[in-house]
Every structure is written in C-alpha cells, then in structure tokens.
Amino acid sequence: MIANQTLRVGDPLPSVRGLAKSLEISTLSVQRAYKELQDAGIVESVEGKGSFVADTISYANLRESLIQEVESEAKRLIATSIKNGITLPELQELIALLWTEN
C-alpha cells in the first residue's frame, strides 16, 4: 500500500489488530512488520495514535529496496530449482501461471 502510493505521507496505517484480522495472520506478525517499516524510516509510530507513513519517505528508495528483496527471493528460487532439476522453461512457465492466478 505504501510502495504503490495507495497510502501517502501522513496517512495512517491500518491498526495492528485490524490488519491481522483482515489478513488472517497473528498480531505479532503485523507488529514485527510495522517495526521493520519503522526501523527503515518508512513509517512513524505515535504512542496511542497508531502508525503513519513517514514524512521523510523516499518512494524511489522504497522501490529499490523492494526490488532488492524480490531479487534475493528470486535467487533463492533459482537455486532451489536448479538443485531439484527444474529447467528454466519449466520455471518460467510456473511463474507465468502463478502470476496470472494473482
């Protein structure tokens, strides 16, 4: 939501409980994610008020960070595929299929 600018500078993030419920995950997972976003300077937390998109956010830096994260996951996926004998065309077909399902 922040990376695609659905949420802009100063906008509040969903509450920890609300987001956990809507995603059907634990509140601890959401708290951890919000903490990582805060540590990265992407969000600011205000005691008793919630978390907000930081006014110092750089969308270019955020995008680059997200690309690096995807690249890291892709490298892991490629290594696992090679280890298990999955060919590049098979992997590409699988990714294309999964992409269209989302």
PDB file of N, CA and C in Angstrom:
ATOM      1  N   MET A   1       0.820  -1.195   0.000  1.00  0.00           N
ATOM      2  CA  MET A   1       0.000   0.000   0.000  1.00  0.00           C
ATOM      3  C   MET A   1       0.864   1.258   0.000  1.00  0.00           C
ATOM      4  N   ILE A   2       1.996   1.190   0.658  1.00  0.00           N
ATOM      5  CA  ILE A   2       2.883   2.353   0.675  1.00  0.00           C
ATOM      6  C   ILE A   2       3.669   2.424  -0.625  1.00  0.00           C
ATOM      7  N   ALA A   3       4.186   1.276  -1.069  1.00  0.00           N
ATOM      8  CA  ALA A   3       5.016   1.250  -2.275  1.00  0.00           C
ATOM      9  C   ALA A   3       4.256   1.703  -3.509  1.00  0.00           C
ATOM     10  N   ASN A   4       2.990   1.329  -3.619  1.00  0.00           N
ATOM     11  CA  ASN A   4       2.221   1.750  -4.788  1.00  0.00           C
ATOM     12  C   ASN A   4       1.494   3.081  -4.549  1.00  0.00           C
ATOM     13  N   GLN A   5       1.804   3.697  -3.432  1.00  0.00           N
ATOM     14  CA  GLN A   5       1.314   5.019  -3.048  1.00  0.00           C
ATOM     15  C   GLN A   5      -0.195   5.077  -2.836  1.00  0.00           C
ATOM     16  N   THR A   6      -0.798   3.926  -2.494  1.00  0.00           N
ATOM     17  CA  THR A   6      -2.188   3.931  -2.042  1.00  0.00           C
ATOM     18  C   THR A   6      -2.251   4.704  -0.727  1.00  0.00           C
ATOM     19  N   LEU A   7      -1.226   4.495   0.102  1.00  0.00           N
ATOM     20  CA  LEU A   7      -1.061   5.297   1.319  1.00  0.00           C
ATOM     21  C   LEU A   7       0.027   6.320   1.040  1.00  0.00           C
ATOM     22  N   ARG A   8      -0.233   7.566   1.363  1.00  0.00           N
ATOM     23  CA  ARG A   8       0.707   8.657   1.105  1.00  0.00           C
ATOM     24  C   ARG A   8       1.262   9.180   2.436  1.00  0.00           C
ATOM     25  N   VAL A   9       2.225  10.063   2.345  1.00  0.00           N
ATOM     26  CA  VAL A   9       2.844  10.655   3.527  1.00  0.00           C
ATOM     27  C   VAL A   9       1.769  11.170   4.485  1.00  0.00           C
ATOM     28  N   GLY A  10       1.902  10.764   5.755  1.00  0.00           N
ATOM     29  CA  GLY A  10       0.986  11.198   6.795  1.00  0.00           C
ATOM     30  C   GLY A  10      -0.258  10.342   6.956  1.00  0.00           C
ATOM     31  N   ASP A  11      -0.532   9.473   5.999  1.00  0.00           N
ATOM     32  CA  ASP A  11      -1.711   8.610   6.099  1.00  0.00           C
ATOM     33  C   ASP A  11      -1.510   7.578   7.201  1.00  0.00           C
ATOM     34  N   PRO A  12      -2.590   7.243   7.906  1.00  0.00           N
ATOM     35  CA  PRO A  12      -2.474   6.209   8.940  1.00  0.00           C
ATOM     36  C   PRO A  12      -2.452   4.816   8.322  1.00  0.00           C
ATOM     37  N   LEU A  13      -1.680   3.929   8.943  1.00  0.00           N
ATOM     38  CA  LEU A  13      -1.694   2.529   8.555  1.00  0.00           C
ATOM     39  C   LEU A  13      -2.852   1.857   9.280  1.00  0.00           C
ATOM     40  N   PRO A  14      -3.337   0.749   8.764  1.00  0.00           N
ATOM     41  CA  PRO A  14      -4.395   0.025   9.488  1.00  0.00           C
ATOM     42  C   PRO A  14      -3.898  -0.364  10.879  1.00  0.00           C
ATOM     43  N   SER A  15      -4.825  -0.510  11.803  1.00  0.00           N
ATOM     44  CA  SER A  15      -4.429  -0.940  13.143  1.00  0.00           C
ATOM     45  C   SER A  15      -3.831  -2.334  13.072  1.00  0.00           C
ATOM     46  N   VAL A  16      -2.991  -2.638  14.038  1.00  0.00           N
ATOM     47  CA  VAL A  16      -2.351  -3.952  14.081  1.00  0.00           C
ATOM     48  C   VAL A  16      -3.411  -5.044  14.122  1.00  0.00           C
ATOM     49  N   ARG A  17      -4.383  -4.899  15.007  1.00  0.00           N
ATOM     50  CA  ARG A  17      -5.434  -5.920  15.128  1.00  0.00           C
ATOM     51  C   ARG A  17      -6.274  -6.019  13.867  1.00  0.00           C
ATOM     52  N   GLY A  18      -6.635  -4.870  13.317  1.00  0.00           N
ATOM     53  CA  GLY A  18      -7.463  -4.856  12.112  1.00  0.00           C
ATOM     54  C   GLY A  18      -6.773  -5.511  10.925  1.00  0.00           C
ATOM     55  N   LEU A  19      -5.500  -5.184  10.731  1.00  0.00           N
ATOM     56  CA  LEU A  19      -4.755  -5.761   9.614  1.00  0.00           C
ATOM     57  C   LEU A  19      -4.545  -7.252   9.817  1.00  0.00           C
ATOM     58  N   ALA A  20      -4.224  -7.645  11.047  1.00  0.00           N
ATOM     59  CA  ALA A  20      -4.029  -9.074  11.344  1.00  0.00           C
ATOM     60  C   ALA A  20      -5.318  -9.848  11.060  1.00  0.00           C
ATOM     61  N   LYS A  21      -6.436  -9.290  11.461  1.00  0.00           N
ATOM     62  CA  LYS A  21      -7.718  -9.960  11.234  1.00  0.00           C
ATOM     63  C   LYS A  21      -8.034 -10.061   9.745  1.00  0.00           C
ATOM     64  N   SER A  22      -7.825  -8.984   9.000  1.00  0.00           N
ATOM     65  CA  SER A  22      -8.164  -9.000   7.575  1.00  0.00           C
ATOM     66  C   SER A  22      -7.245  -9.916   6.772  1.00  0.00           C
ATOM     67  N   LEU A  23      -5.987 -10.057   7.208  1.00  0.00           N
ATOM     68  CA  LEU A  23      -5.039 -10.934   6.526  1.00  0.00           C
ATOM     69  C   LEU A  23      -5.024 -12.345   7.096  1.00  0.00           C
ATOM     70  N   GLU A  24      -5.753 -12.528   8.191  1.00  0.00           N
ATOM     71  CA  GLU A  24      -5.811 -13.811   8.895  1.00  0.00           C
ATOM     72  C   GLU A  24      -4.421 -14.294   9.300  1.00  0.00           C
ATOM     73  N   ILE A  25      -3.674 -13.363   9.934  1.00  0.00           N
ATOM     74  CA  ILE A  25      -2.354 -13.681  10.473  1.00  0.00           C
ATOM     75  C   ILE A  25      -2.315 -13.199  11.919  1.00  0.00           C
ATOM     76  N   SER A  26      -1.250 -13.539  12.624  1.00  0.00           N
ATOM     77  CA  SER A  26      -1.159 -13.140  14.024  1.00  0.00           C
ATOM     78  C   SER A  26      -0.828 -11.654  14.153  1.00  0.00           C
ATOM     79  N   THR A  27      -1.271 -11.080  15.261  1.00  0.00           N
ATOM     80  CA  THR A  27      -0.947  -9.671  15.519  1.00  0.00           C
ATOM     81  C   THR A  27       0.562  -9.502  15.696  1.00  0.00           C
ATOM     82  N   LEU A  28       1.229 -10.534  16.194  1.00  0.00           N
ATOM     83  CA  LEU A  28       2.683 -10.482  16.359  1.00  0.00           C
ATOM     84  C   LEU A  28       3.376 -10.290  15.012  1.00  0.00           C
ATOM     85  N   SER A  29       2.879 -10.954  13.972  1.00  0.00           N
ATOM     86  CA  SER A  29       3.458 -10.799  12.631  1.00  0.00           C
ATOM     87  C   SER A  29       3.301  -9.366  12.133  1.00  0.00           C
ATOM     88  N   VAL A  30       2.152  -8.779  12.358  1.00  0.00           N
ATOM     89  CA  VAL A  30       1.912  -7.393  11.937  1.00  0.00           C
ATOM     90  C   VAL A  30       2.794  -6.447  12.741  1.00  0.00           C
ATOM     91  N   GLN A  31       2.890  -6.673  14.037  1.00  0.00           N
ATOM     92  CA  GLN A  31       3.742  -5.831  14.879  1.00  0.00           C
ATOM     93  C   GLN A  31       5.189  -5.881  14.400  1.00  0.00           C
ATOM     94  N   ARG A  32       5.668  -7.076  14.060  1.00  0.00           N
ATOM     95  CA  ARG A  32       7.031  -7.226  13.554  1.00  0.00           C
ATOM     96  C   ARG A  32       7.215  -6.457  12.252  1.00  0.00           C
ATOM     97  N   ALA A  33       6.250  -6.580  11.350  1.00  0.00           N
ATOM     98  CA  ALA A  33       6.329  -5.885  10.064  1.00  0.00           C
ATOM     99  C   ALA A  33       6.325  -4.373  10.274  1.00  0.00           C
ATOM    100  N   TYR A  34       5.455  -3.876  11.144  1.00  0.00           N
ATOM    101  CA  TYR A  34       5.407  -2.436  11.417  1.00  0.00           C
ATOM    102  C   TYR A  34       6.723  -1.958  12.025  1.00  0.00           C
ATOM    103  N   LYS A  35       7.325  -2.790  12.876  1.00  0.00           N
ATOM    104  CA  LYS A  35       8.616  -2.438  13.493  1.00  0.00           C
ATOM    105  C   LYS A  35       9.701  -2.344  12.424  1.00  0.00           C
ATOM    106  N   GLU A  36       9.706  -3.294  11.479  1.00  0.00           N
ATOM    107  CA  GLU A  36      10.686  -3.253  10.386  1.00  0.00           C
ATOM    108  C   GLU A  36      10.491  -1.999   9.535  1.00  0.00           C
ATOM    109  N   LEU A  37       9.242  -1.650   9.260  1.00  0.00           N
ATOM    110  CA  LEU A  37       8.949  -0.442   8.484  1.00  0.00           C
ATOM    111  C   LEU A  37       9.398   0.805   9.242  1.00  0.00           C
ATOM    112  N   GLN A  38       9.197   0.796  10.559  1.00  0.00           N
ATOM    113  CA  GLN A  38       9.630   1.933  11.379  1.00  0.00           C
ATOM    114  C   GLN A  38      11.151   2.028  11.395  1.00  0.00           C
ATOM    115  N   ASP A  39      11.823   0.901  11.570  1.00  0.00           N
ATOM    116  CA  ASP A  39      13.291   0.892  11.584  1.00  0.00           C
ATOM    117  C   ASP A  39      13.865   1.369  10.256  1.00  0.00           C
ATOM    118  N   ALA A  40      13.145   1.112   9.165  1.00  0.00           N
ATOM    119  CA  ALA A  40      13.594   1.528   7.838  1.00  0.00           C
ATOM    120  C   ALA A  40      13.226   2.978   7.522  1.00  0.00           C
ATOM    121  N   GLY A  41      12.519   3.617   8.454  1.00  0.00           N
ATOM    122  CA  GLY A  41      12.139   5.012   8.246  1.00  0.00           C
ATOM    123  C   GLY A  41      10.956   5.200   7.307  1.00  0.00           C
ATOM    124  N   ILE A  42      10.217   4.136   7.092  1.00  0.00           N
ATOM    125  CA  ILE A  42       9.076   4.199   6.180  1.00  0.00           C
ATOM    126  C   ILE A  42       7.813   4.639   6.912  1.00  0.00           C
ATOM    127  N   VAL A  43       7.689   4.226   8.155  1.00  0.00           N
ATOM    128  CA  VAL A  43       6.542   4.641   8.960  1.00  0.00           C
ATOM    129  C   VAL A  43       7.018   5.231  10.283  1.00  0.00           C
ATOM    130  N   GLU A  44       6.148   6.020  10.872  1.00  0.00           N
ATOM    131  CA  GLU A  44       6.380   6.582  12.201  1.00  0.00           C
ATOM    132  C   GLU A  44       5.258   6.088  13.097  1.00  0.00           C
ATOM    133  N   SER A  45       5.595   5.713  14.310  1.00  0.00           N
ATOM    134  CA  SER A  45       4.587   5.288  15.273  1.00  0.00           C
ATOM    135  C   SER A  45       4.424   6.359  16.333  1.00  0.00           C
ATOM    136  N   VAL A  46       3.169   6.655  16.646  1.00  0.00           N
ATOM    137  CA  VAL A  46       2.848   7.636  17.673  1.00  0.00           C
ATOM    138  C   VAL A  46       2.070   6.909  18.764  1.00  0.00           C
ATOM    139  N   GLU A  47       2.632   6.892  19.962  1.00  0.00           N
ATOM    140  CA  GLU A  47       2.025   6.198  21.093  1.00  0.00           C
ATOM    141  C   GLU A  47       0.559   6.602  21.248  1.00  0.00           C
ATOM    142  N   GLY A  48      -0.307   5.603  21.272  1.00  0.00           N
ATOM    143  CA  GLY A  48      -1.727   5.837  21.476  1.00  0.00           C
ATOM    144  C   GLY A  48      -2.487   6.322  20.244  1.00  0.00           C
ATOM    145  N   LYS A  49      -1.787   6.612  19.160  1.00  0.00           N
ATOM    146  CA  LYS A  49      -2.454   7.111  17.952  1.00  0.00           C
ATOM    147  C   LYS A  49      -2.307   6.173  16.767  1.00  0.00           C
ATOM    148  N   GLY A  50      -1.225   5.393  16.734  1.00  0.00           N
ATOM    149  CA  GLY A  50      -1.036   4.441  15.654  1.00  0.00           C
ATOM    150  C   GLY A  50       0.210   4.707  14.844  1.00  0.00           C
ATOM    151  N   SER A  51       0.250   4.114  13.674  1.00  0.00           N
ATOM    152  CA  SER A  51       1.395   4.244  12.774  1.00  0.00           C
ATOM    153  C   SER A  51       0.973   5.001  11.524  1.00  0.00           C
ATOM    154  N   PHE A  52       1.897   5.814  11.016  1.00  0.00           N
ATOM    155  CA  PHE A  52       1.613   6.682   9.877  1.00  0.00           C
ATOM    156  C   PHE A  52       2.771   6.609   8.885  1.00  0.00           C
ATOM    157  N   VAL A  53       2.482   6.845   7.610  1.00  0.00           N
ATOM    158  CA  VAL A  53       3.538   6.894   6.601  1.00  0.00           C
ATOM    159  C   VAL A  53       4.432   8.084   6.944  1.00  0.00           C
ATOM    160  N   ALA A  54       5.716   7.835   7.059  1.00  0.00           N
ATOM    161  CA  ALA A  54       6.673   8.869   7.468  1.00  0.00           C
ATOM    162  C   ALA A  54       6.757   9.987   6.438  1.00  0.00           C
ATOM    163  N   ASP A  55       6.961  11.199   6.926  1.00  0.00           N
ATOM    164  CA  ASP A  55       7.078  12.337   6.001  1.00  0.00           C
ATOM    165  C   ASP A  55       8.461  12.413   5.364  1.00  0.00           C
ATOM    166  N   THR A  56       9.357  11.535   5.800  1.00  0.00           N
ATOM    167  CA  THR A  56      10.715  11.517   5.236  1.00  0.00           C
ATOM    168  C   THR A  56      10.897  10.386   4.222  1.00  0.00           C
ATOM    169  N   ILE A  57       9.822   9.713   3.883  1.00  0.00           N
ATOM    170  CA  ILE A  57       9.921   8.547   2.998  1.00  0.00           C
ATOM    171  C   ILE A  57      10.370   8.944   1.602  1.00  0.00           C
ATOM    172  N   SER A  58      11.209   8.122   1.039  1.00  0.00           N
ATOM    173  CA  SER A  58      11.638   8.288  -0.347  1.00  0.00           C
ATOM    174  C   SER A  58      11.062   7.113  -1.131  1.00  0.00           C
ATOM    175  N   TYR A  59      10.093   7.388  -1.995  1.00  0.00           N
ATOM    176  CA  TYR A  59       9.459   6.314  -2.755  1.00  0.00           C
ATOM    177  C   TYR A  59      10.454   5.632  -3.691  1.00  0.00           C
ATOM    178  N   ALA A  60      11.424   6.375  -4.197  1.00  0.00           N
ATOM    179  CA  ALA A  60      12.448   5.781  -5.071  1.00  0.00           C
ATOM    180  C   ALA A  60      13.277   4.774  -4.281  1.00  0.00           C
ATOM    181  N   ASN A  61      13.680   5.154  -3.062  1.00  0.00           N
ATOM    182  CA  ASN A  61      14.458   4.246  -2.224  1.00  0.00           C
ATOM    183  C   ASN A  61      13.629   3.034  -1.815  1.00  0.00           C
ATOM    184  N   LEU A  62      12.355   3.260  -1.536  1.00  0.00           N
ATOM    185  CA  LEU A  62      11.475   2.166  -1.156  1.00  0.00           C
ATOM    186  C   LEU A  62      11.348   1.177  -2.308  1.00  0.00           C
ATOM    187  N   ARG A  63      11.142   1.686  -3.506  1.00  0.00           N
ATOM    188  CA  ARG A  63      11.024   0.823  -4.691  1.00  0.00           C
ATOM    189  C   ARG A  63      12.297   0.009  -4.889  1.00  0.00           C
ATOM    190  N   GLU A  64      13.449   0.657  -4.763  1.00  0.00           N
ATOM    191  CA  GLU A  64      14.729  -0.041  -4.910  1.00  0.00           C
ATOM    192  C   GLU A  64      14.877  -1.132  -3.854  1.00  0.00           C
ATOM    193  N   SER A  65      14.460  -0.843  -2.644  1.00  0.00           N
ATOM    194  CA  SER A  65      14.523  -1.819  -1.561  1.00  0.00           C
ATOM    195  C   SER A  65      13.630  -3.023  -1.865  1.00  0.00           C
ATOM    196  N   LEU A  66      12.455  -2.757  -2.396  1.00  0.00           N
ATOM    197  CA  LEU A  66      11.536  -3.846  -2.744  1.00  0.00           C
ATOM    198  C   LEU A  66      12.100  -4.691  -3.883  1.00  0.00           C
ATOM    199  N   ILE A  67      12.713  -4.052  -4.851  1.00  0.00           N
ATOM    200  CA  ILE A  67      13.325  -4.781  -5.959  1.00  0.00           C
ATOM    201  C   ILE A  67      14.455  -5.672  -5.444  1.00  0.00           C
ATOM    202  N   GLN A  68      15.251  -5.159  -4.522  1.00  0.00           N
ATOM    203  CA  GLN A  68      16.336  -5.957  -3.945  1.00  0.00           C
ATOM    204  C   GLN A  68      15.786  -7.164  -3.191  1.00  0.00           C
ATOM    205  N   GLU A  69      14.680  -6.978  -2.494  1.00  0.00           N
ATOM    206  CA  GLU A  69      14.058  -8.083  -1.768  1.00  0.00           C
ATOM    207  C   GLU A  69      13.568  -9.162  -2.742  1.00  0.00           C
ATOM    208  N   VAL A  70      12.931  -8.747  -3.831  1.00  0.00           N
ATOM    209  CA  VAL A  70      12.451  -9.694  -4.834  1.00  0.00           C
ATOM    210  C   VAL A  70      13.632 -10.408  -5.495  1.00  0.00           C
ATOM    211  N   GLU A  71      14.698  -9.663  -5.769  1.00  0.00           N
ATOM    212  CA  GLU A  71      15.884 -10.269  -6.376  1.00  0.00           C
ATOM    213  C   GLU A  71      16.463 -11.347  -5.466  1.00  0.00           C
ATOM    214  N   SER A  72      16.506 -11.076  -4.181  1.00  0.00           N
ATOM    215  CA  SER A  72      17.029 -12.044  -3.224  1.00  0.00           C
ATOM    216  C   SER A  72      16.166 -13.309  -3.221  1.00  0.00           C
ATOM    217  N   GLU A  73      14.849 -13.133  -3.222  1.00  0.00           N
ATOM    218  CA  GLU A  73      13.942 -14.281  -3.251  1.00  0.00           C
ATOM    219  C   GLU A  73      14.074 -15.041  -4.569  1.00  0.00           C
ATOM    220  N   ALA A  74      14.252 -14.311  -5.675  1.00  0.00           N
ATOM    221  CA  ALA A  74      14.400 -14.946  -6.986  1.00  0.00           C
ATOM    222  C   ALA A  74      15.674 -15.803  -7.026  1.00  0.00           C
ATOM    223  N   LYS A  75      16.746 -15.299  -6.454  1.00  0.00           N
ATOM    224  CA  LYS A  75      17.993 -16.074  -6.414  1.00  0.00           C
ATOM    225  C   LYS A  75      17.801 -17.365  -5.636  1.00  0.00           C
ATOM    226  N   ARG A  76      17.069 -17.270  -4.523  1.00  0.00           N
ATOM    227  CA  ARG A  76      16.784 -18.457  -3.720  1.00  0.00           C
ATOM    228  C   ARG A  76      15.938 -19.444  -4.525  1.00  0.00           C
ATOM    229  N   LEU A  77      14.937 -18.946  -5.228  1.00  0.00           N
ATOM    230  CA  LEU A  77      14.072 -19.781  -6.050  1.00  0.00           C
ATOM    231  C   LEU A  77      14.863 -20.464  -7.175  1.00  0.00           C
ATOM    232  N   ILE A  78      15.728 -19.713  -7.818  1.00  0.00           N
ATOM    233  CA  ILE A  78      16.542 -20.272  -8.898  1.00  0.00           C
ATOM    234  C   ILE A  78      17.462 -21.365  -8.360  1.00  0.00           C
ATOM    235  N   ALA A  79      18.099 -21.118  -7.232  1.00  0.00           N
ATOM    236  CA  ALA A  79      18.995 -22.124  -6.646  1.00  0.00           C
ATOM    237  C   ALA A  79      18.223 -23.391  -6.288  1.00  0.00           C
ATOM    238  N   THR A  80      17.045 -23.244  -5.718  1.00  0.00           N
ATOM    239  CA  THR A  80      16.219 -24.404  -5.367  1.00  0.00           C
ATOM    240  C   THR A  80      15.784 -25.151  -6.623  1.00  0.00           C
ATOM    241  N   SER A  81      15.432 -24.408  -7.663  1.00  0.00           N
ATOM    242  CA  SER A  81      15.012 -25.031  -8.926  1.00  0.00           C
ATOM    243  C   SER A  81      16.147 -25.839  -9.540  1.00  0.00           C
ATOM    244  N   ILE A  82      17.330 -25.249  -9.610  1.00  0.00           N
ATOM    245  CA  ILE A  82      18.494 -25.942 -10.179  1.00  0.00           C
ATOM    246  C   ILE A  82      18.795 -27.202  -9.372  1.00  0.00           C
ATOM    247  N   LYS A  83      18.770 -27.062  -8.061  1.00  0.00           N
ATOM    248  CA  LYS A  83      19.052 -28.187  -7.179  1.00  0.00           C
ATOM    249  C   LYS A  83      18.077 -29.339  -7.409  1.00  0.00           C
ATOM    250  N   ASN A  84      16.849 -29.010  -7.768  1.00  0.00           N
ATOM    251  CA  ASN A  84      15.810 -30.026  -7.957  1.00  0.00           C
ATOM    252  C   ASN A  84      15.569 -30.390  -9.423  1.00  0.00           C
ATOM    253  N   GLY A  85      16.438 -29.930 -10.312  1.00  0.00           N
ATOM    254  CA  GLY A  85      16.358 -30.332 -11.704  1.00  0.00           C
ATOM    255  C   GLY A  85      15.256 -29.672 -12.508  1.00  0.00           C
ATOM    256  N   ILE A  86      14.761 -28.557 -12.037  1.00  0.00           N
ATOM    257  CA  ILE A  86      13.723 -27.828 -12.777  1.00  0.00           C
ATOM    258  C   ILE A  86      14.420 -26.932 -13.797  1.00  0.00           C
ATOM    259  N   THR A  87      14.001 -27.041 -15.041  1.00  0.00           N
ATOM    260  CA  THR A  87      14.637 -26.269 -16.104  1.00  0.00           C
ATOM    261  C   THR A  87      14.119 -24.838 -16.127  1.00  0.00           C
ATOM    262  N   LEU A  88      14.861 -23.963 -16.803  1.00  0.00           N
ATOM    263  CA  LEU A  88      14.449 -22.575 -16.921  1.00  0.00           C
ATOM    264  C   LEU A  88      13.071 -22.451 -17.594  1.00  0.00           C
ATOM    265  N   PRO A  89      12.814 -23.145 -18.702  1.00  0.00           N
ATOM    266  CA  PRO A  89      11.475 -23.052 -19.299  1.00  0.00           C
ATOM    267  C   PRO A  89      10.364 -23.531 -18.349  1.00  0.00           C
ATOM    268  N   GLU A  90      10.643 -24.581 -17.573  1.00  0.00           N
ATOM    269  CA  GLU A  90       9.647 -25.058 -16.605  1.00  0.00           C
ATOM    270  C   GLU A  90       9.386 -23.999 -15.534  1.00  0.00           C
ATOM    271  N   LEU A  91      10.458 -23.389 -15.047  1.00  0.00           N
ATOM    272  CA  LEU A  91      10.325 -22.351 -14.028  1.00  0.00           C
ATOM    273  C   LEU A  91       9.581 -21.141 -14.582  1.00  0.00           C
ATOM    274  N   GLN A  92       9.918 -20.729 -15.797  1.00  0.00           N
ATOM    275  CA  GLN A  92       9.232 -19.595 -16.415  1.00  0.00           C
ATOM    276  C   GLN A  92       7.740 -19.880 -16.582  1.00  0.00           C
ATOM    277  N   GLU A  93       7.419 -21.099 -16.997  1.00  0.00           N
ATOM    278  CA  GLU A  93       6.012 -21.479 -17.171  1.00  0.00           C
ATOM    279  C   GLU A  93       5.275 -21.431 -15.835  1.00  0.00           C
ATOM    280  N   LEU A  94       5.923 -21.940 -14.789  1.00  0.00           N
ATOM    281  CA  LEU A  94       5.319 -21.934 -13.462  1.00  0.00           C
ATOM    282  C   LEU A  94       5.089 -20.505 -12.966  1.00  0.00           C
ATOM    283  N   ILE A  95       6.085 -19.655 -13.137  1.00  0.00           N
ATOM    284  CA  ILE A  95       5.954 -18.253 -12.702  1.00  0.00           C
ATOM    285  C   ILE A  95       4.848 -17.563 -13.474  1.00  0.00           C
ATOM    286  N   ALA A  96       4.787 -17.781 -14.791  1.00  0.00           N
ATOM    287  CA  ALA A  96       3.735 -17.157 -15.607  1.00  0.00           C
ATOM    288  C   ALA A  96       2.353 -17.629 -15.148  1.00  0.00           C
ATOM    289  N   LEU A  97       2.227 -18.896 -14.851  1.00  0.00           N
ATOM    290  CA  LEU A  97       0.947 -19.440 -14.371  1.00  0.00           C
ATOM    291  C   LEU A  97       0.550 -18.821 -13.047  1.00  0.00           C
ATOM    292  N   LEU A  98       1.484 -18.789 -12.116  1.00  0.00           N
ATOM    293  CA  LEU A  98       1.201 -18.205 -10.799  1.00  0.00           C
ATOM    294  C   LEU A  98       0.910 -16.712 -10.896  1.00  0.00           C
ATOM    295  N   TRP A  99       1.608 -16.038 -11.793  1.00  0.00           N
ATOM    296  CA  TRP A  99       1.405 -14.588 -11.982  1.00  0.00           C
ATOM    297  C   TRP A  99      -0.038 -14.328 -12.415  1.00  0.00           C
ATOM    298  N   THR A 100      -0.526 -15.119 -13.367  1.00  0.00           N
ATOM    299  CA  THR A 100      -1.897 -14.896 -13.869  1.00  0.00           C
ATOM    300  C   THR A 100      -2.944 -15.259 -12.832  1.00  0.00           C
ATOM    301  N   GLU A 101      -2.611 -16.181 -11.924  1.00  0.00           N
ATOM    302  CA  GLU A 101      -3.550 -16.555 -10.867  1.00  0.00           C
ATOM    303  C   GLU A 101      -3.706 -15.453  -9.838  1.00  0.00           C
ATOM    304  N   ASN A 102      -2.710 -14.592  -9.732  1.00  0.00           N
ATOM    305  CA  ASN A 102      -2.782 -13.499  -8.768  1.00  0.00           C
ATOM    306  C   ASN A 102      -3.324 -12.275  -9.425  1.00  0.00           C
TER     307      ASN A 102
END
